[in-house]
Amino acid sequence: MICLPAICLCGVICLPAAVIAQSQPATTSQPLNGTVSDFGTSFIFSPPPVCPGCVETELGLLSLSDGRYLPAVATVALPKGHTDVSVLLNVLDSESAQNDRVTHFGNRLDFVVRQQVAAKGGFVMTLAPRGTIFIRGGDGGRAGATAAPQYSWGKNLAVMNITWTGGVGVSSGNPRNDYLTSFDYYRLLDQRGTSFFAGAQQEYTAGSQSADIEQGLVIPFRNGQVELATEQLDLNANIQVQFQARVIVNWGKVFGRRSLGN
């Protein structure tokens, strides 16, 4: 007889707690573009590789002086670990020289392998061997690597790319050494993933230096984003203004899927 009132009392106490727990709002959801890790319109590339086994594509429009270009990127991640491989190219180059516009396929293919080597708290470190093959002419190619640290805190993200490449088949159009340091700061504007970024870049090659700055906006959609950016190039010489727009989509896990029998 003593047990029954005790059970009833416990039920009265516990039921409101259960109702309150069910009515609590869900934890903050991942941004719509949370799966994206891109090369994008900015000076830097995102250090973390895309999700294991996933495929990501990018297609954009770039305008610089009288030139119009269609840059594209395809990224494939290994089924396991934290490594992906990307191919970058201009699908189309359209340039006007002396009022005579010439349109053709891009002149180079770039290959980048992103390997995440450290991750702790808001810090991520990626090393990325890279190479370039020039398609037309006799300028050979380039080979080198990028160190890409990233640190995030709250709604803020800071990324740096430190890149060295060396010429293979050195010529006037393919210098022996090129040193490039790029930095970008991102500020998250809402929970959907909208963000603003600004950055700076310095390049030293063939005995000359150049400095650039940029500003841009990231507009998210599910499993992707649109990037808009403007860059001011060669600030220490003949300033040029470049405009870019790009669509990035993460198509999800394509490789390493489990078979139906498992």
C-alpha atoms as a PDB file:
ATOM      1  CA  MET A   1       0.000   0.000   0.000  1.00  0.00           C
ATOM      2  CA  ILE A   2       2.912   2.323   0.677  1.00  0.00           C
ATOM      3  CA  CYS A   3       4.477   1.625  -2.769  1.00  0.00           C
ATOM      4  CA  LEU A   4       1.427   2.698  -4.846  1.00  0.00           C
ATOM      5  CA  PRO A   5       1.311   6.338  -3.558  1.00  0.00           C
ATOM      6  CA  ALA A   6       5.063   6.567  -3.996  1.00  0.00           C
ATOM      7  CA  ILE A   7       4.817   5.443  -7.621  1.00  0.00           C
ATOM      8  CA  CYS A   8       2.013   7.926  -8.300  1.00  0.00           C
ATOM      9  CA  LEU A   9       4.004  10.759  -6.697  1.00  0.00           C
ATOM     10  CA  CYS A  10       7.063   9.874  -8.799  1.00  0.00           C
ATOM     11  CA  GLY A  11       4.918   9.917 -11.947  1.00  0.00           C
ATOM     12  CA  VAL A  12       3.522  13.356 -11.103  1.00  0.00           C
ATOM     13  CA  ILE A  13       7.034  14.719 -10.590  1.00  0.00           C
ATOM     14  CA  CYS A  14       8.655  13.060 -13.621  1.00  0.00           C
ATOM     15  CA  LEU A  15       5.909  13.747 -16.213  1.00  0.00           C
ATOM     16  CA  PRO A  16       6.381  17.551 -16.325  1.00  0.00           C
ATOM     17  CA  ALA A  17      10.118  17.055 -16.613  1.00  0.00           C
ATOM     18  CA  ALA A  18       9.611  14.754 -19.611  1.00  0.00           C
ATOM     19  CA  VAL A  19       7.233  17.254 -21.234  1.00  0.00           C
ATOM     20  CA  ILE A  20       9.737  20.065 -20.687  1.00  0.00           C
ATOM     21  CA  ALA A  21      12.556  17.976 -22.141  1.00  0.00           C
ATOM     22  CA  GLN A  22      10.494  17.233 -25.269  1.00  0.00           C
ATOM     23  CA  SER A  23       9.593  20.897 -25.683  1.00  0.00           C
ATOM     24  CA  GLN A  24      13.227  22.060 -25.543  1.00  0.00           C
ATOM     25  CA  PRO A  25      14.419  23.484 -28.916  1.00  0.00           C
ATOM     26  CA  ALA A  26      16.782  21.309 -30.915  1.00  0.00           C
ATOM     27  CA  THR A  27      20.458  22.107 -30.825  1.00  0.00           C
ATOM     28  CA  THR A  28      21.695  24.542 -33.440  1.00  0.00           C
ATOM     29  CA  SER A  29      21.629  22.802 -36.806  1.00  0.00           C
ATOM     30  CA  GLN A  30      24.598  22.676 -39.138  1.00  0.00           C
ATOM     31  CA  PRO A  31      24.729  25.499 -41.715  1.00  0.00           C
ATOM     32  CA  LEU A  32      23.207  24.645 -45.099  1.00  0.00           C
ATOM     33  CA  ASN A  33      26.687  24.750 -46.649  1.00  0.00           C
ATOM     34  CA  GLY A  34      28.361  22.889 -43.773  1.00  0.00           C
ATOM     35  CA  THR A  35      29.576  20.105 -46.114  1.00  0.00           C
ATOM     36  CA  VAL A  36      31.386  22.500 -48.478  1.00  0.00           C
ATOM     37  CA  SER A  37      35.184  22.830 -48.465  1.00  0.00           C
ATOM     38  CA  ASP A  38      36.103  24.741 -51.589  1.00  0.00           C
ATOM     39  CA  PHE A  39      38.685  26.635 -53.604  1.00  0.00           C
ATOM     40  CA  GLY A  40      36.068  29.251 -54.352  1.00  0.00           C
ATOM     41  CA  THR A  41      36.563  32.870 -55.349  1.00  0.00           C
ATOM     42  CA  SER A  42      38.869  33.829 -52.480  1.00  0.00           C
ATOM     43  CA  PHE A  43      42.673  33.951 -52.453  1.00  0.00           C
ATOM     44  CA  ILE A  44      42.794  30.901 -50.170  1.00  0.00           C
ATOM     45  CA  PHE A  45      41.384  27.390 -50.424  1.00  0.00           C
ATOM     46  CA  SER A  46      39.542  25.844 -47.476  1.00  0.00           C
ATOM     47  CA  PRO A  47      42.019  23.647 -45.547  1.00  0.00           C
ATOM     48  CA  PRO A  48      39.729  20.752 -44.459  1.00  0.00           C
ATOM     49  CA  PRO A  49      39.210  18.140 -47.199  1.00  0.00           C
ATOM     50  CA  VAL A  50      35.622  17.325 -48.178  1.00  0.00           C
ATOM     51  CA  CYS A  51      33.841  14.428 -46.459  1.00  0.00           C
ATOM     52  CA  PRO A  52      35.319  10.932 -47.114  1.00  0.00           C
ATOM     53  CA  GLY A  53      34.101   9.475 -50.402  1.00  0.00           C
ATOM     54  CA  CYS A  54      32.364  12.719 -51.394  1.00  0.00           C
ATOM     55  CA  VAL A  55      32.504  14.645 -54.671  1.00  0.00           C
ATOM     56  CA  GLU A  56      32.384  18.436 -54.943  1.00  0.00           C
ATOM     57  CA  THR A  57      32.218  20.617 -58.058  1.00  0.00           C
ATOM     58  CA  GLU A  58      32.685  24.323 -58.727  1.00  0.00           C
ATOM     59  CA  LEU A  59      31.844  26.443 -61.758  1.00  0.00           C
ATOM     60  CA  GLY A  60      32.285  30.176 -61.987  1.00  0.00           C
ATOM     61  CA  LEU A  61      32.646  33.345 -64.024  1.00  0.00           C
ATOM     62  CA  LEU A  62      35.667  35.636 -63.759  1.00  0.00           C
ATOM     63  CA  SER A  63      36.034  39.060 -65.345  1.00  0.00           C
ATOM     64  CA  LEU A  64      39.376  40.874 -65.491  1.00  0.00           C
ATOM     65  CA  SER A  65      39.903  43.838 -67.821  1.00  0.00           C
ATOM     66  CA  ASP A  66      38.826  42.629 -71.287  1.00  0.00           C
ATOM     67  CA  GLY A  67      39.110  38.951 -70.344  1.00  0.00           C
ATOM     68  CA  ARG A  68      36.251  36.608 -69.494  1.00  0.00           C
ATOM     69  CA  TYR A  69      36.951  33.187 -67.987  1.00  0.00           C
ATOM     70  CA  LEU A  70      34.984  30.143 -66.788  1.00  0.00           C
ATOM     71  CA  PRO A  71      36.963  28.536 -63.932  1.00  0.00           C
ATOM     72  CA  ALA A  72      35.970  25.043 -62.790  1.00  0.00           C
ATOM     73  CA  VAL A  73      37.072  22.655 -60.042  1.00  0.00           C
ATOM     74  CA  ALA A  74      36.347  18.965 -59.447  1.00  0.00           C
ATOM     75  CA  THR A  75      37.234  17.470 -56.047  1.00  0.00           C
ATOM     76  CA  VAL A  76      37.092  13.797 -55.059  1.00  0.00           C
ATOM     77  CA  ALA A  77      37.816  12.598 -51.507  1.00  0.00           C
ATOM     78  CA  LEU A  78      39.298   9.221 -50.672  1.00  0.00           C
ATOM     79  CA  PRO A  79      36.790   6.801 -49.074  1.00  0.00           C
ATOM     80  CA  LYS A  80      38.724   6.837 -45.787  1.00  0.00           C
ATOM     81  CA  GLY A  81      40.855   9.367 -43.954  1.00  0.00           C
ATOM     82  CA  HIS A  82      41.179  13.097 -44.522  1.00  0.00           C
ATOM     83  CA  THR A  83      42.510  13.442 -48.062  1.00  0.00           C
ATOM     84  CA  ASP A  84      41.032  14.714 -51.300  1.00  0.00           C
ATOM     85  CA  VAL A  85      42.282  15.393 -54.833  1.00  0.00           C
ATOM     86  CA  SER A  86      41.252  18.416 -56.914  1.00  0.00           C
ATOM     87  CA  VAL A  87      41.668  19.384 -60.559  1.00  0.00           C
ATOM     88  CA  LEU A  88      41.391  23.093 -61.425  1.00  0.00           C
ATOM     89  CA  LEU A  89      41.045  24.484 -64.947  1.00  0.00           C
ATOM     90  CA  ASN A  90      39.525  27.233 -67.024  1.00  0.00           C
ATOM     91  CA  VAL A  91      36.837  25.641 -69.155  1.00  0.00           C
ATOM     92  CA  LEU A  92      36.915  28.744 -71.339  1.00  0.00           C
ATOM     93  CA  ASP A  93      39.287  31.694 -71.845  1.00  0.00           C
ATOM     94  CA  SER A  94      38.031  34.649 -73.866  1.00  0.00           C
ATOM     95  CA  GLU A  95      40.496  37.506 -74.257  1.00  0.00           C
ATOM     96  CA  SER A  96      40.483  40.601 -76.436  1.00  0.00           C
ATOM     97  CA  ALA A  97      43.783  41.831 -77.866  1.00  0.00           C
ATOM     98  CA  GLN A  98      43.683  44.857 -80.178  1.00  0.00           C
ATOM     99  CA  ASN A  99      39.904  44.497 -80.604  1.00  0.00           C
ATOM    100  CA  ASP A 100      40.324  40.915 -81.785  1.00  0.00           C
ATOM    101  CA  ARG A 101      38.672  38.535 -79.309  1.00  0.00           C
ATOM    102  CA  VAL A 102      40.114  35.035 -79.061  1.00  0.00           C
ATOM    103  CA  THR A 103      38.206  32.268 -77.230  1.00  0.00           C
ATOM    104  CA  HIS A 104      39.675  28.869 -76.416  1.00  0.00           C
ATOM    105  CA  PHE A 105      40.111  26.216 -73.728  1.00  0.00           C
ATOM    106  CA  GLY A 106      42.261  27.247 -70.757  1.00  0.00           C
ATOM    107  CA  ASN A 107      46.050  26.940 -70.968  1.00  0.00           C
ATOM    108  CA  ARG A 108      46.702  25.074 -67.710  1.00  0.00           C
ATOM    109  CA  LEU A 109      45.604  22.232 -65.466  1.00  0.00           C
ATOM    110  CA  ASP A 110      46.276  22.492 -61.728  1.00  0.00           C
ATOM    111  CA  PHE A 111      46.296  19.496 -59.385  1.00  0.00           C
ATOM    112  CA  VAL A 112      46.055  19.822 -55.591  1.00  0.00           C
ATOM    113  CA  VAL A 113      46.063  17.056 -52.943  1.00  0.00           C
ATOM    114  CA  ARG A 114      44.765  18.259 -49.563  1.00  0.00           C
ATOM    115  CA  GLN A 115      45.908  16.160 -46.597  1.00  0.00           C
ATOM    116  CA  GLN A 116      44.703  17.176 -43.141  1.00  0.00           C
ATOM    117  CA  VAL A 117      47.565  16.533 -40.719  1.00  0.00           C
ATOM    118  CA  ALA A 118      46.242  18.059 -37.493  1.00  0.00           C
ATOM    119  CA  ALA A 119      42.929  19.099 -35.941  1.00  0.00           C
ATOM    120  CA  LYS A 120      42.336  20.227 -32.371  1.00  0.00           C
ATOM    121  CA  GLY A 121      39.602  22.501 -31.104  1.00  0.00           C
ATOM    122  CA  GLY A 122      39.179  25.279 -33.638  1.00  0.00           C
ATOM    123  CA  PHE A 123      42.560  24.636 -35.257  1.00  0.00           C
ATOM    124  CA  VAL A 124      43.068  22.681 -38.493  1.00  0.00           C
ATOM    125  CA  MET A 125      46.332  22.181 -40.369  1.00  0.00           C
ATOM    126  CA  THR A 126      46.497  20.897 -43.951  1.00  0.00           C
ATOM    127  CA  LEU A 127      49.436  20.216 -46.253  1.00  0.00           C
ATOM    128  CA  ALA A 128      48.772  20.232 -49.970  1.00  0.00           C
ATOM    129  CA  PRO A 129      51.276  19.116 -52.639  1.00  0.00           C
ATOM    130  CA  ARG A 130      50.382  20.721 -55.968  1.00  0.00           C
ATOM    131  CA  GLY A 131      51.396  20.795 -59.589  1.00  0.00           C
ATOM    132  CA  THR A 132      50.591  22.569 -62.847  1.00  0.00           C
ATOM    133  CA  ILE A 133      50.699  21.391 -66.449  1.00  0.00           C
ATOM    134  CA  PHE A 134      50.704  24.006 -69.220  1.00  0.00           C
ATOM    135  CA  ILE A 135      48.726  22.708 -72.173  1.00  0.00           C
ATOM    136  CA  ARG A 136      49.820  25.044 -74.952  1.00  0.00           C
ATOM    137  CA  GLY A 137      53.307  26.317 -75.753  1.00  0.00           C
ATOM    138  CA  GLY A 138      56.579  25.046 -74.363  1.00  0.00           C
ATOM    139  CA  ASP A 139      56.480  26.456 -70.839  1.00  0.00           C
ATOM    140  CA  GLY A 140      56.554  23.056 -69.086  1.00  0.00           C
ATOM    141  CA  GLY A 141      54.839  23.076 -65.696  1.00  0.00           C
ATOM    142  CA  ARG A 142      55.186  23.793 -61.997  1.00  0.00           C
ATOM    143  CA  ALA A 143      55.442  21.765 -58.796  1.00  0.00           C
ATOM    144  CA  GLY A 144      55.258  22.780 -55.148  1.00  0.00           C
ATOM    145  CA  ALA A 145      53.167  22.683 -51.986  1.00  0.00           C
ATOM    146  CA  THR A 146      50.908  24.730 -49.721  1.00  0.00           C
ATOM    147  CA  ALA A 147      50.761  24.853 -45.921  1.00  0.00           C
ATOM    148  CA  ALA A 148      47.228  25.852 -44.882  1.00  0.00           C
ATOM    149  CA  PRO A 149      46.467  26.569 -41.202  1.00  0.00           C
ATOM    150  CA  GLN A 150      42.940  27.515 -40.136  1.00  0.00           C
ATOM    151  CA  TYR A 151      41.569  28.723 -36.805  1.00  0.00           C
ATOM    152  CA  SER A 152      37.924  29.324 -35.886  1.00  0.00           C
ATOM    153  CA  TRP A 153      36.396  30.946 -32.814  1.00  0.00           C
ATOM    154  CA  GLY A 154      32.742  31.817 -32.345  1.00  0.00           C
ATOM    155  CA  LYS A 155      31.455  33.264 -35.623  1.00  0.00           C
ATOM    156  CA  ASN A 156      34.956  34.006 -36.865  1.00  0.00           C
ATOM    157  CA  LEU A 157      37.329  32.075 -39.129  1.00  0.00           C
ATOM    158  CA  ALA A 158      40.902  32.917 -40.147  1.00  0.00           C
ATOM    159  CA  VAL A 159      42.688  30.990 -42.913  1.00  0.00           C
ATOM    160  CA  MET A 160      46.210  31.303 -44.332  1.00  0.00           C
ATOM    161  CA  ASN A 161      47.778  29.650 -47.384  1.00  0.00           C
ATOM    162  CA  ILE A 162      51.563  29.700 -47.706  1.00  0.00           C
ATOM    163  CA  THR A 163      52.563  28.405 -51.137  1.00  0.00           C
ATOM    164  CA  TRP A 164      55.832  27.758 -52.955  1.00  0.00           C
ATOM    165  CA  THR A 165      56.078  26.453 -56.498  1.00  0.00           C
ATOM    166  CA  GLY A 166      59.081  25.869 -58.729  1.00  0.00           C
ATOM    167  CA  GLY A 167      59.216  25.935 -62.503  1.00  0.00           C
ATOM    168  CA  VAL A 168      59.678  22.766 -64.535  1.00  0.00           C
ATOM    169  CA  GLY A 169      61.161  23.952 -67.803  1.00  0.00           C
ATOM    170  CA  VAL A 170      61.983  27.490 -66.634  1.00  0.00           C
ATOM    171  CA  SER A 171      61.312  30.314 -69.073  1.00  0.00           C
ATOM    172  CA  SER A 172      60.288  33.967 -69.095  1.00  0.00           C
ATOM    173  CA  GLY A 173      56.679  32.892 -68.673  1.00  0.00           C
ATOM    174  CA  ASN A 174      57.441  30.166 -66.120  1.00  0.00           C
ATOM    175  CA  PRO A 175      59.756  31.551 -63.380  1.00  0.00           C
ATOM    176  CA  ARG A 176      62.097  29.399 -61.334  1.00  0.00           C
ATOM    177  CA  ASN A 177      60.445  30.219 -57.971  1.00  0.00           C
ATOM    178  CA  ASP A 178      57.134  31.703 -56.889  1.00  0.00           C
ATOM    179  CA  TYR A 179      56.241  32.525 -53.263  1.00  0.00           C
ATOM    180  CA  LEU A 180      52.628  33.300 -52.431  1.00  0.00           C
ATOM    181  CA  THR A 181      51.155  34.166 -49.021  1.00  0.00           C
ATOM    182  CA  SER A 182      47.380  34.574 -48.758  1.00  0.00           C
ATOM    183  CA  PHE A 183      45.142  35.370 -45.776  1.00  0.00           C
ATOM    184  CA  ASP A 184      41.364  35.557 -45.430  1.00  0.00           C
ATOM    185  CA  TYR A 185      39.042  36.410 -42.548  1.00  0.00           C
ATOM    186  CA  TYR A 186      35.441  35.151 -42.556  1.00  0.00           C
ATOM    187  CA  ARG A 187      32.585  36.390 -40.388  1.00  0.00           C
ATOM    188  CA  LEU A 188      29.422  34.277 -40.093  1.00  0.00           C
ATOM    189  CA  LEU A 189      26.311  36.439 -40.461  1.00  0.00           C
ATOM    190  CA  ASP A 190      23.533  33.922 -39.716  1.00  0.00           C
ATOM    191  CA  GLN A 191      22.909  30.273 -38.799  1.00  0.00           C
ATOM    192  CA  ARG A 192      22.177  29.332 -42.426  1.00  0.00           C
ATOM    193  CA  GLY A 193      25.858  29.893 -43.271  1.00  0.00           C
ATOM    194  CA  THR A 194      25.819  33.336 -44.907  1.00  0.00           C
ATOM    195  CA  SER A 195      29.188  34.987 -44.380  1.00  0.00           C
ATOM    196  CA  PHE A 196      31.349  37.909 -45.411  1.00  0.00           C
ATOM    197  CA  PHE A 197      35.062  37.621 -46.100  1.00  0.00           C
ATOM    198  CA  ALA A 198      37.998  39.916 -46.717  1.00  0.00           C
ATOM    199  CA  GLY A 199      41.583  39.054 -47.473  1.00  0.00           C
ATOM    200  CA  ALA A 200      45.040  40.058 -48.633  1.00  0.00           C
ATOM    201  CA  GLN A 201      47.735  38.412 -50.703  1.00  0.00           C
ATOM    202  CA  GLN A 202      51.412  38.990 -51.456  1.00  0.00           C
ATOM    203  CA  GLU A 203      53.391  37.328 -54.226  1.00  0.00           C
ATOM    204  CA  TYR A 204      57.121  37.350 -54.873  1.00  0.00           C
ATOM    205  CA  THR A 205      58.323  35.982 -58.179  1.00  0.00           C
ATOM    206  CA  ALA A 206      61.142  36.664 -60.646  1.00  0.00           C
ATOM    207  CA  GLY A 207      62.499  39.482 -58.494  1.00  0.00           C
ATOM    208  CA  SER A 208      59.232  41.441 -58.294  1.00  0.00           C
ATOM    209  CA  GLN A 209      56.449  41.693 -55.712  1.00  0.00           C
ATOM    210  CA  SER A 210      52.724  42.299 -55.954  1.00  0.00           C
ATOM    211  CA  ALA A 211      50.025  42.933 -53.354  1.00  0.00           C
ATOM    212  CA  ASP A 212      46.278  42.299 -53.658  1.00  0.00           C
ATOM    213  CA  ILE A 213      43.162  42.657 -51.497  1.00  0.00           C
ATOM    214  CA  GLU A 214      39.641  41.214 -51.790  1.00  0.00           C
ATOM    215  CA  GLN A 215      36.116  41.305 -50.384  1.00  0.00           C
ATOM    216  CA  GLY A 216      33.343  38.799 -50.868  1.00  0.00           C
ATOM    217  CA  LEU A 217      30.040  37.266 -49.805  1.00  0.00           C
ATOM    218  CA  VAL A 218      29.044  33.597 -49.337  1.00  0.00           C
ATOM    219  CA  ILE A 219      25.344  32.793 -49.883  1.00  0.00           C
ATOM    220  CA  PRO A 220      24.447  29.231 -48.791  1.00  0.00           C
ATOM    221  CA  PHE A 221      21.973  26.702 -50.082  1.00  0.00           C
ATOM    222  CA  ARG A 222      21.560  23.054 -49.104  1.00  0.00           C
ATOM    223  CA  ASN A 223      24.884  21.237 -49.629  1.00  0.00           C
ATOM    224  CA  GLY A 224      26.315  24.179 -51.556  1.00  0.00           C
ATOM    225  CA  GLN A 225      26.881  27.885 -51.818  1.00  0.00           C
ATOM    226  CA  VAL A 226      27.208  30.842 -54.192  1.00  0.00           C
ATOM    227  CA  GLU A 227      30.268  33.067 -53.805  1.00  0.00           C
ATOM    228  CA  LEU A 228      30.575  36.656 -55.039  1.00  0.00           C
ATOM    229  CA  ALA A 229      33.872  38.519 -54.809  1.00  0.00           C
ATOM    230  CA  THR A 230      35.793  41.520 -56.041  1.00  0.00           C
ATOM    231  CA  GLU A 231      39.590  41.758 -55.954  1.00  0.00           C
ATOM    232  CA  GLN A 232      41.893  44.732 -56.328  1.00  0.00           C
ATOM    233  CA  LEU A 233      45.128  43.427 -57.867  1.00  0.00           C
ATOM    234  CA  ASP A 234      48.670  44.816 -58.206  1.00  0.00           C
ATOM    235  CA  LEU A 235      48.144  47.561 -55.643  1.00  0.00           C
ATOM    236  CA  ASN A 236      51.825  48.526 -55.776  1.00  0.00           C
ATOM    237  CA  ALA A 237      51.859  48.889 -59.572  1.00  0.00           C
ATOM    238  CA  ASN A 238      49.052  49.093 -62.123  1.00  0.00           C
ATOM    239  CA  ILE A 239      45.839  48.455 -60.146  1.00  0.00           C
ATOM    240  CA  GLN A 240      43.311  46.149 -61.796  1.00  0.00           C
ATOM    241  CA  VAL A 241      39.854  45.164 -60.547  1.00  0.00           C
ATOM    242  CA  GLN A 242      38.639  41.586 -60.880  1.00  0.00           C
ATOM    243  CA  PHE A 243      35.074  40.293 -60.357  1.00  0.00           C
ATOM    244  CA  GLN A 244      34.087  36.693 -59.656  1.00  0.00           C
ATOM    245  CA  ALA A 245      30.977  34.596 -59.107  1.00  0.00           C
ATOM    246  CA  ARG A 246      30.964  30.870 -58.434  1.00  0.00           C
ATOM    247  CA  VAL A 247      28.560  28.040 -57.576  1.00  0.00           C
ATOM    248  CA  ILE A 248      29.873  25.186 -55.391  1.00  0.00           C
ATOM    249  CA  VAL A 249      27.948  21.941 -54.813  1.00  0.00           C
ATOM    250  CA  ASN A 250      28.859  18.993 -52.593  1.00  0.00           C
ATOM    251  CA  TRP A 251      27.185  15.969 -54.226  1.00  0.00           C
ATOM    252  CA  GLY A 252      27.627  13.784 -51.143  1.00  0.00           C
ATOM    253  CA  LYS A 253      29.210  10.392 -50.692  1.00  0.00           C
ATOM    254  CA  VAL A 254      29.747   8.768 -54.069  1.00  0.00           C
ATOM    255  CA  PHE A 255      32.670   6.461 -53.294  1.00  0.00           C
ATOM    256  CA  GLY A 256      32.981   3.906 -50.505  1.00  0.00           C
ATOM    257  CA  ARG A 257      29.274   3.157 -50.155  1.00  0.00           C
ATOM    258  CA  ARG A 258      28.283  -0.040 -48.402  1.00  0.00           C
ATOM    259  CA  SER A 259      26.896  -2.797 -50.576  1.00  0.00           C
ATOM    260  CA  LEU A 260      23.223  -3.692 -50.251  1.00  0.00           C
ATOM    261  CA  GLY A 261      24.108  -7.023 -48.661  1.00  0.00           C
ATOM    262  CA  ASN A 262      25.783  -5.363 -45.637  1.00  0.00           C
END
